Structures are given as structure tokens and as C-alpha cells.
Amino acid sequence: MALTCEKLLNSYHSMWQQATVHPFLTQCKEGTIRPMQFNTWLIQDYLFVTEFTRCVGRVLAAAPVSHFDGLLSGLNALQDELTWFCEKATERSLDLNTPRQLTCQRYCDFMGNLVNTPYPVRSPALDKGCSP
């Protein structure tokens, strides 16, 4: 029997809600988020994506050639995302050279520690939703 999105959503409804329904996301969607909240997210997510890009590069270095296309496509998407962060930070006069907050630091440490694991362990961890 095939596993479908519908089956996953029905089986894990509360987990899906916890992962996707949050005041921050709701306020972004509704346009009611305070600028300071958004600015903090922008900076911290930039710092996360910067480290995530390094993580993908380390995974690429260990990947079989047959996996290059997907990883390189992912790196191109990350380049676009980093460019967007820089543009928004400039528009908002934000300093991206800001210390990481604790949660961001923990995720970055987790990704940094993946370098010591074999490729089959590292590659699934590229899911940005993975938890340390």
C-alpha cells in the first residue's frame, strides 16, 4: 500500500499542526508580525542557512557522483536564499554579523558535528526540519 500525503496528515495530524501552526507563521501570513520579531528571525535564519550551506558542502564532498545533481541543485537554491537574506538585511539596515541565539547555535553545532558521521547518516540529515 502506498504512503500518501493524505495518509501521513491523517496519521500524524497533531504533529503536523505542531510543526506548521505557530504564532510567528500566522503573524507572517496575516502581515501582523512586529518588525523587530521579523528582523530577529531574518538574522538568525541567515546564520542557520549559512551553516546549512557549509553542511551541504561537506556532504557533497563525501557523496557519490550519482548524488551530485540533487546536492548541487540544493546549493543553488541556498545561494538564492542567502542573496535574499542579504538584500532584506540591507533594506532593513540589519547587521548579519550578529551572534547566534541559543537555538540557532544548537542547530549549527549539530550540523557541524555531522562531519564525523558516514555519508549515509549525513545525507538524510540535510532535511532542514531535522532536530539535533
N, C-alpha and C. Protein backbone atom coordinates (compact mmCIF):
# COMPACT_ATOMS: atom_id res chain seq x y z
N MET A 1 0.84 -1.17 0.00
CA MET A 1 0.00 0.00 0.00
C MET A 1 0.90 1.25 0.00
N ALA A 2 0.58 2.18 -0.86
CA ALA A 2 1.37 3.40 -1.00
C ALA A 2 1.12 4.35 0.17
N LEU A 3 2.17 5.03 0.56
CA LEU A 3 2.06 6.03 1.61
C LEU A 3 1.85 7.38 0.92
N THR A 4 0.74 8.02 1.20
CA THR A 4 0.42 9.29 0.55
C THR A 4 0.48 10.42 1.57
N CYS A 5 0.53 11.64 1.07
CA CYS A 5 0.50 12.81 1.95
C CYS A 5 -0.77 12.80 2.80
N GLU A 6 -1.88 12.44 2.17
CA GLU A 6 -3.14 12.40 2.91
C GLU A 6 -3.07 11.43 4.08
N LYS A 7 -2.49 10.26 3.85
CA LYS A 7 -2.36 9.27 4.93
C LYS A 7 -1.44 9.79 6.04
N LEU A 8 -0.35 10.42 5.64
CA LEU A 8 0.56 10.98 6.63
C LEU A 8 -0.13 12.07 7.46
N LEU A 9 -0.84 12.96 6.79
CA LEU A 9 -1.52 14.04 7.50
C LEU A 9 -2.60 13.51 8.43
N ASN A 10 -3.30 12.48 8.00
CA ASN A 10 -4.33 11.89 8.85
C ASN A 10 -3.72 11.15 10.04
N SER A 11 -2.62 10.46 9.80
CA SER A 11 -1.98 9.68 10.86
C SER A 11 -1.23 10.54 11.86
N TYR A 12 -0.71 11.66 11.41
CA TYR A 12 0.13 12.50 12.26
C TYR A 12 -0.38 13.94 12.32
N HIS A 13 -1.69 14.07 12.41
CA HIS A 13 -2.31 15.40 12.37
C HIS A 13 -1.75 16.33 13.44
N SER A 14 -1.67 15.88 14.68
CA SER A 14 -1.21 16.77 15.75
C SER A 14 0.25 17.15 15.56
N MET A 15 1.08 16.22 15.10
CA MET A 15 2.49 16.55 14.86
C MET A 15 2.61 17.56 13.72
N TRP A 16 1.79 17.41 12.68
CA TRP A 16 1.81 18.34 11.57
C TRP A 16 1.40 19.73 12.06
N GLN A 17 0.37 19.79 12.88
CA GLN A 17 -0.09 21.07 13.41
C GLN A 17 1.01 21.73 14.25
N GLN A 18 1.67 20.95 15.08
CA GLN A 18 2.75 21.50 15.92
C GLN A 18 3.89 22.05 15.07
N ALA A 19 4.14 21.40 13.95
CA ALA A 19 5.25 21.81 13.09
C ALA A 19 4.91 22.99 12.19
N THR A 20 3.63 23.17 11.88
CA THR A 20 3.27 24.18 10.87
C THR A 20 2.39 25.30 11.38
N VAL A 21 1.82 25.16 12.55
CA VAL A 21 0.96 26.21 13.08
C VAL A 21 1.66 26.83 14.28
N HIS A 22 2.08 28.06 14.12
CA HIS A 22 2.82 28.76 15.17
C HIS A 22 2.48 30.24 15.05
N PRO A 23 2.42 30.94 16.19
CA PRO A 23 2.09 32.38 16.12
C PRO A 23 2.98 33.16 15.15
N PHE A 24 4.27 32.84 15.10
CA PHE A 24 5.17 33.55 14.19
C PHE A 24 4.71 33.38 12.74
N LEU A 25 4.43 32.14 12.35
CA LEU A 25 4.00 31.88 10.97
C LEU A 25 2.65 32.51 10.68
N THR A 26 1.75 32.43 11.64
CA THR A 26 0.42 33.03 11.46
C THR A 26 0.54 34.54 11.30
N GLN A 27 1.37 35.17 12.13
CA GLN A 27 1.55 36.63 12.05
C GLN A 27 2.22 37.02 10.73
N CYS A 28 3.16 36.21 10.25
CA CYS A 28 3.76 36.49 8.93
C CYS A 28 2.69 36.42 7.85
N LYS A 29 1.88 35.38 7.90
CA LYS A 29 0.83 35.18 6.90
C LYS A 29 -0.16 36.33 6.91
N GLU A 30 -0.52 36.80 8.11
CA GLU A 30 -1.52 37.86 8.25
C GLU A 30 -0.93 39.26 8.13
N GLY A 31 0.40 39.36 8.09
CA GLY A 31 1.04 40.66 8.00
C GLY A 31 0.99 41.45 9.30
N THR A 32 0.86 40.74 10.42
CA THR A 32 0.76 41.41 11.72
C THR A 32 2.01 41.26 12.57
N ILE A 33 3.04 40.64 12.02
CA ILE A 33 4.25 40.43 12.80
C ILE A 33 4.94 41.76 13.05
N ARG A 34 5.49 41.91 14.24
CA ARG A 34 6.22 43.15 14.56
C ARG A 34 7.57 43.14 13.83
N PRO A 35 7.99 44.29 13.33
CA PRO A 35 9.26 44.35 12.59
C PRO A 35 10.44 43.77 13.37
N MET A 36 10.50 44.02 14.68
CA MET A 36 11.62 43.51 15.47
C MET A 36 11.64 41.97 15.48
N GLN A 37 10.46 41.36 15.56
CA GLN A 37 10.38 39.90 15.52
C GLN A 37 10.88 39.37 14.18
N PHE A 38 10.41 39.99 13.12
CA PHE A 38 10.81 39.54 11.78
C PHE A 38 12.30 39.73 11.59
N ASN A 39 12.83 40.86 12.04
CA ASN A 39 14.26 41.14 11.89
C ASN A 39 15.10 40.10 12.62
N THR A 40 14.67 39.74 13.82
CA THR A 40 15.40 38.72 14.59
C THR A 40 15.38 37.40 13.83
N TRP A 41 14.21 37.01 13.33
CA TRP A 41 14.12 35.77 12.56
C TRP A 41 15.03 35.84 11.33
N LEU A 42 14.99 36.96 10.62
CA LEU A 42 15.76 37.11 9.39
C LEU A 42 17.25 36.88 9.66
N ILE A 43 17.76 37.51 10.69
CA ILE A 43 19.18 37.38 11.02
C ILE A 43 19.52 35.96 11.45
N GLN A 44 18.72 35.39 12.34
CA GLN A 44 19.01 34.05 12.84
C GLN A 44 18.86 33.00 11.75
N ASP A 45 17.88 33.17 10.88
CA ASP A 45 17.72 32.19 9.80
C ASP A 45 18.86 32.32 8.79
N TYR A 46 19.33 33.53 8.56
CA TYR A 46 20.50 33.73 7.71
C TYR A 46 21.70 32.96 8.29
N LEU A 47 21.91 33.10 9.59
CA LEU A 47 23.03 32.42 10.23
C LEU A 47 22.87 30.90 10.13
N PHE A 48 21.64 30.42 10.29
CA PHE A 48 21.37 28.99 10.15
C PHE A 48 21.64 28.53 8.72
N VAL A 49 21.12 29.26 7.75
CA VAL A 49 21.27 28.85 6.34
C VAL A 49 22.74 28.91 5.92
N THR A 50 23.49 29.84 6.46
CA THR A 50 24.92 29.90 6.17
C THR A 50 25.60 28.61 6.62
N GLU A 51 25.30 28.18 7.84
CA GLU A 51 25.90 26.94 8.34
C GLU A 51 25.35 25.72 7.60
N PHE A 52 24.06 25.77 7.25
CA PHE A 52 23.46 24.67 6.49
C PHE A 52 24.14 24.52 5.13
N THR A 53 24.50 25.64 4.51
CA THR A 53 25.20 25.61 3.23
C THR A 53 26.55 24.92 3.39
N ARG A 54 27.25 25.24 4.46
CA ARG A 54 28.53 24.56 4.74
C ARG A 54 28.31 23.06 4.94
N CYS A 55 27.23 22.72 5.63
CA CYS A 55 26.90 21.31 5.87
C CYS A 55 26.67 20.58 4.55
N VAL A 56 25.93 21.21 3.65
CA VAL A 56 25.68 20.59 2.34
C VAL A 56 27.00 20.41 1.58
N GLY A 57 27.88 21.40 1.68
CA GLY A 57 29.18 21.28 1.04
C GLY A 57 29.98 20.10 1.57
N ARG A 58 29.93 19.90 2.89
CA ARG A 58 30.64 18.76 3.47
C ARG A 58 30.02 17.44 3.04
N VAL A 59 28.70 17.42 2.93
CA VAL A 59 28.02 16.21 2.46
C VAL A 59 28.39 15.96 1.00
N LEU A 60 28.42 17.01 0.19
CA LEU A 60 28.80 16.87 -1.22
C LEU A 60 30.19 16.25 -1.35
N ALA A 61 31.10 16.66 -0.49
CA ALA A 61 32.46 16.14 -0.55
C ALA A 61 32.51 14.63 -0.32
N ALA A 62 31.54 14.09 0.39
CA ALA A 62 31.51 12.65 0.69
C ALA A 62 30.54 11.87 -0.19
N ALA A 63 29.77 12.58 -0.99
CA ALA A 63 28.68 11.94 -1.76
C ALA A 63 29.20 11.19 -2.98
N PRO A 64 28.48 10.14 -3.35
CA PRO A 64 28.78 9.51 -4.63
C PRO A 64 28.40 10.45 -5.77
N VAL A 65 29.08 10.34 -6.88
CA VAL A 65 28.85 11.22 -8.02
C VAL A 65 27.38 11.19 -8.45
N SER A 66 26.73 10.06 -8.30
CA SER A 66 25.33 9.95 -8.71
C SER A 66 24.40 10.85 -7.88
N HIS A 67 24.88 11.37 -6.77
CA HIS A 67 24.07 12.26 -5.93
C HIS A 67 24.38 13.74 -6.17
N PHE A 68 25.36 14.03 -7.00
CA PHE A 68 25.79 15.42 -7.21
C PHE A 68 24.66 16.33 -7.70
N ASP A 69 23.87 15.88 -8.66
CA ASP A 69 22.84 16.76 -9.24
C ASP A 69 21.92 17.32 -8.16
N GLY A 70 21.40 16.46 -7.32
CA GLY A 70 20.49 16.92 -6.27
C GLY A 70 21.16 17.85 -5.28
N LEU A 71 22.37 17.52 -4.88
CA LEU A 71 23.08 18.36 -3.92
C LEU A 71 23.45 19.71 -4.53
N LEU A 72 23.91 19.71 -5.78
CA LEU A 72 24.26 20.97 -6.43
C LEU A 72 23.03 21.84 -6.66
N SER A 73 21.91 21.23 -6.99
CA SER A 73 20.66 21.99 -7.13
C SER A 73 20.28 22.62 -5.80
N GLY A 74 20.46 21.85 -4.73
CA GLY A 74 20.18 22.39 -3.40
C GLY A 74 21.08 23.56 -3.06
N LEU A 75 22.35 23.46 -3.42
CA LEU A 75 23.28 24.57 -3.17
C LEU A 75 22.88 25.81 -3.95
N ASN A 76 22.42 25.64 -5.19
CA ASN A 76 21.95 26.79 -5.97
C ASN A 76 20.76 27.46 -5.29
N ALA A 77 19.84 26.66 -4.78
CA ALA A 77 18.68 27.22 -4.07
C ALA A 77 19.13 27.95 -2.81
N LEU A 78 20.11 27.40 -2.12
CA LEU A 78 20.62 28.06 -0.91
C LEU A 78 21.30 29.38 -1.26
N GLN A 79 21.98 29.42 -2.40
CA GLN A 79 22.61 30.68 -2.84
C GLN A 79 21.54 31.75 -3.04
N ASP A 80 20.44 31.38 -3.67
CA ASP A 80 19.33 32.33 -3.86
C ASP A 80 18.77 32.79 -2.52
N GLU A 81 18.64 31.86 -1.59
CA GLU A 81 18.11 32.20 -0.27
C GLU A 81 19.05 33.15 0.48
N LEU A 82 20.34 32.87 0.42
CA LEU A 82 21.31 33.75 1.09
C LEU A 82 21.31 35.14 0.46
N THR A 83 21.19 35.21 -0.85
CA THR A 83 21.10 36.51 -1.52
C THR A 83 19.88 37.27 -1.04
N TRP A 84 18.75 36.58 -0.93
CA TRP A 84 17.51 37.22 -0.45
C TRP A 84 17.70 37.76 0.97
N PHE A 85 18.32 36.96 1.84
CA PHE A 85 18.57 37.42 3.21
C PHE A 85 19.41 38.69 3.21
N CYS A 86 20.46 38.70 2.41
CA CYS A 86 21.34 39.87 2.35
C CYS A 86 20.61 41.10 1.83
N GLU A 87 19.78 40.92 0.81
CA GLU A 87 19.00 42.04 0.27
C GLU A 87 18.05 42.59 1.32
N LYS A 88 17.34 41.72 2.01
CA LYS A 88 16.39 42.16 3.04
C LYS A 88 17.10 42.81 4.21
N ALA A 89 18.25 42.27 4.58
CA ALA A 89 19.01 42.86 5.68
C ALA A 89 19.48 44.27 5.31
N THR A 90 19.90 44.45 4.08
CA THR A 90 20.32 45.78 3.62
C THR A 90 19.14 46.74 3.63
N GLU A 91 18.00 46.29 3.11
CA GLU A 91 16.79 47.13 3.11
C GLU A 91 16.40 47.56 4.52
N ARG A 92 16.62 46.69 5.49
CA ARG A 92 16.19 46.95 6.86
C ARG A 92 17.33 47.48 7.74
N SER A 93 18.49 47.71 7.15
CA SER A 93 19.68 48.18 7.88
C SER A 93 20.03 47.25 9.03
N LEU A 94 20.05 45.95 8.75
CA LEU A 94 20.36 44.95 9.77
C LEU A 94 21.79 44.47 9.63
N ASP A 95 22.41 44.18 10.74
CA ASP A 95 23.77 43.64 10.77
C ASP A 95 23.70 42.12 10.85
N LEU A 96 24.11 41.45 9.79
CA LEU A 96 24.08 39.99 9.77
C LEU A 96 25.23 39.38 10.57
N ASN A 97 26.18 40.19 10.98
CA ASN A 97 27.28 39.72 11.83
C ASN A 97 26.87 39.83 13.28
N THR A 98 25.84 39.09 13.62
CA THR A 98 25.24 39.10 14.95
C THR A 98 25.47 37.72 15.57
N PRO A 99 25.67 37.65 16.86
CA PRO A 99 25.83 36.32 17.48
C PRO A 99 24.58 35.47 17.32
N ARG A 100 24.80 34.19 17.20
CA ARG A 100 23.68 33.25 17.11
C ARG A 100 22.98 33.15 18.47
N GLN A 101 21.66 33.06 18.42
CA GLN A 101 20.91 32.76 19.63
C GLN A 101 21.09 31.27 19.93
N LEU A 102 20.71 30.86 21.14
CA LEU A 102 20.98 29.50 21.60
C LEU A 102 20.41 28.43 20.67
N THR A 103 19.16 28.57 20.26
CA THR A 103 18.56 27.56 19.39
C THR A 103 19.31 27.46 18.07
N CYS A 104 19.62 28.58 17.48
CA CYS A 104 20.38 28.59 16.22
C CYS A 104 21.74 27.95 16.43
N GLN A 105 22.39 28.28 17.54
CA GLN A 105 23.71 27.71 17.83
C GLN A 105 23.65 26.20 17.96
N ARG A 106 22.61 25.70 18.60
CA ARG A 106 22.48 24.24 18.76
C ARG A 106 22.30 23.54 17.41
N TYR A 107 21.48 24.11 16.55
CA TYR A 107 21.32 23.53 15.21
C TYR A 107 22.63 23.58 14.44
N CYS A 108 23.33 24.69 14.53
CA CYS A 108 24.60 24.82 13.81
C CYS A 108 25.64 23.83 14.35
N ASP A 109 25.67 23.66 15.67
CA ASP A 109 26.59 22.68 16.26
C ASP A 109 26.25 21.27 15.78
N PHE A 110 24.96 20.96 15.74
CA PHE A 110 24.51 19.65 15.27
C PHE A 110 25.01 19.41 13.85
N MET A 111 24.81 20.40 12.98
CA MET A 111 25.24 20.24 11.59
C MET A 111 26.75 20.12 11.49
N GLY A 112 27.46 20.89 12.30
CA GLY A 112 28.92 20.82 12.29
C GLY A 112 29.43 19.46 12.73
N ASN A 113 28.73 18.83 13.66
CA ASN A 113 29.14 17.52 14.15
C ASN A 113 28.86 16.39 13.16
N LEU A 114 28.03 16.65 12.17
CA LEU A 114 27.74 15.62 11.18
C LEU A 114 28.96 15.24 10.35
N VAL A 115 29.96 16.10 10.33
CA VAL A 115 31.16 15.84 9.54
C VAL A 115 31.84 14.55 10.00
N ASN A 116 31.61 14.16 11.23
CA ASN A 116 32.23 12.96 11.77
C ASN A 116 31.39 11.70 11.56
N THR A 117 30.34 11.80 10.78
CA THR A 117 29.47 10.65 10.55
C THR A 117 29.60 10.20 9.10
N PRO A 118 29.30 8.93 8.83
CA PRO A 118 29.38 8.44 7.45
C PRO A 118 28.31 9.08 6.55
N TYR A 119 28.58 9.09 5.27
CA TYR A 119 27.66 9.71 4.31
C TYR A 119 26.22 9.23 4.47
N PRO A 120 25.95 7.93 4.63
CA PRO A 120 24.55 7.50 4.75
C PRO A 120 23.83 8.10 5.96
N VAL A 121 24.58 8.52 6.96
CA VAL A 121 23.97 9.18 8.13
C VAL A 121 23.81 10.67 7.85
N ARG A 122 24.81 11.27 7.21
CA ARG A 122 24.78 12.71 6.92
C ARG A 122 23.70 13.10 5.94
N SER A 123 23.56 12.35 4.87
CA SER A 123 22.68 12.79 3.79
C SER A 123 21.22 12.95 4.22
N PRO A 124 20.63 12.04 5.01
CA PRO A 124 19.24 12.29 5.42
C PRO A 124 19.11 13.49 6.36
N ALA A 125 20.19 13.83 7.04
CA ALA A 125 20.15 14.96 7.96
C ALA A 125 20.04 16.30 7.24
N LEU A 126 20.15 16.30 5.91
CA LEU A 126 20.02 17.54 5.16
C LEU A 126 18.61 18.09 5.19
N ASP A 127 17.67 17.29 5.62
CA ASP A 127 16.30 17.78 5.78
C ASP A 127 16.36 18.91 6.79
N LYS A 128 16.02 20.13 6.36
CA LYS A 128 16.13 21.29 7.26
C LYS A 128 15.24 21.15 8.48
N GLY A 129 14.32 20.20 8.46
CA GLY A 129 13.47 20.03 9.61
C GLY A 129 14.03 19.08 10.64
N CYS A 130 15.23 18.55 10.41
CA CYS A 130 15.77 17.59 11.36
C CYS A 130 16.08 18.27 12.68
N SER A 131 15.98 17.53 13.74
CA SER A 131 16.24 18.07 15.07
C SER A 131 17.51 17.47 15.63
N PRO A 132 18.31 18.30 16.30
CA PRO A 132 19.53 17.78 16.92
C PRO A 132 19.19 16.90 18.11
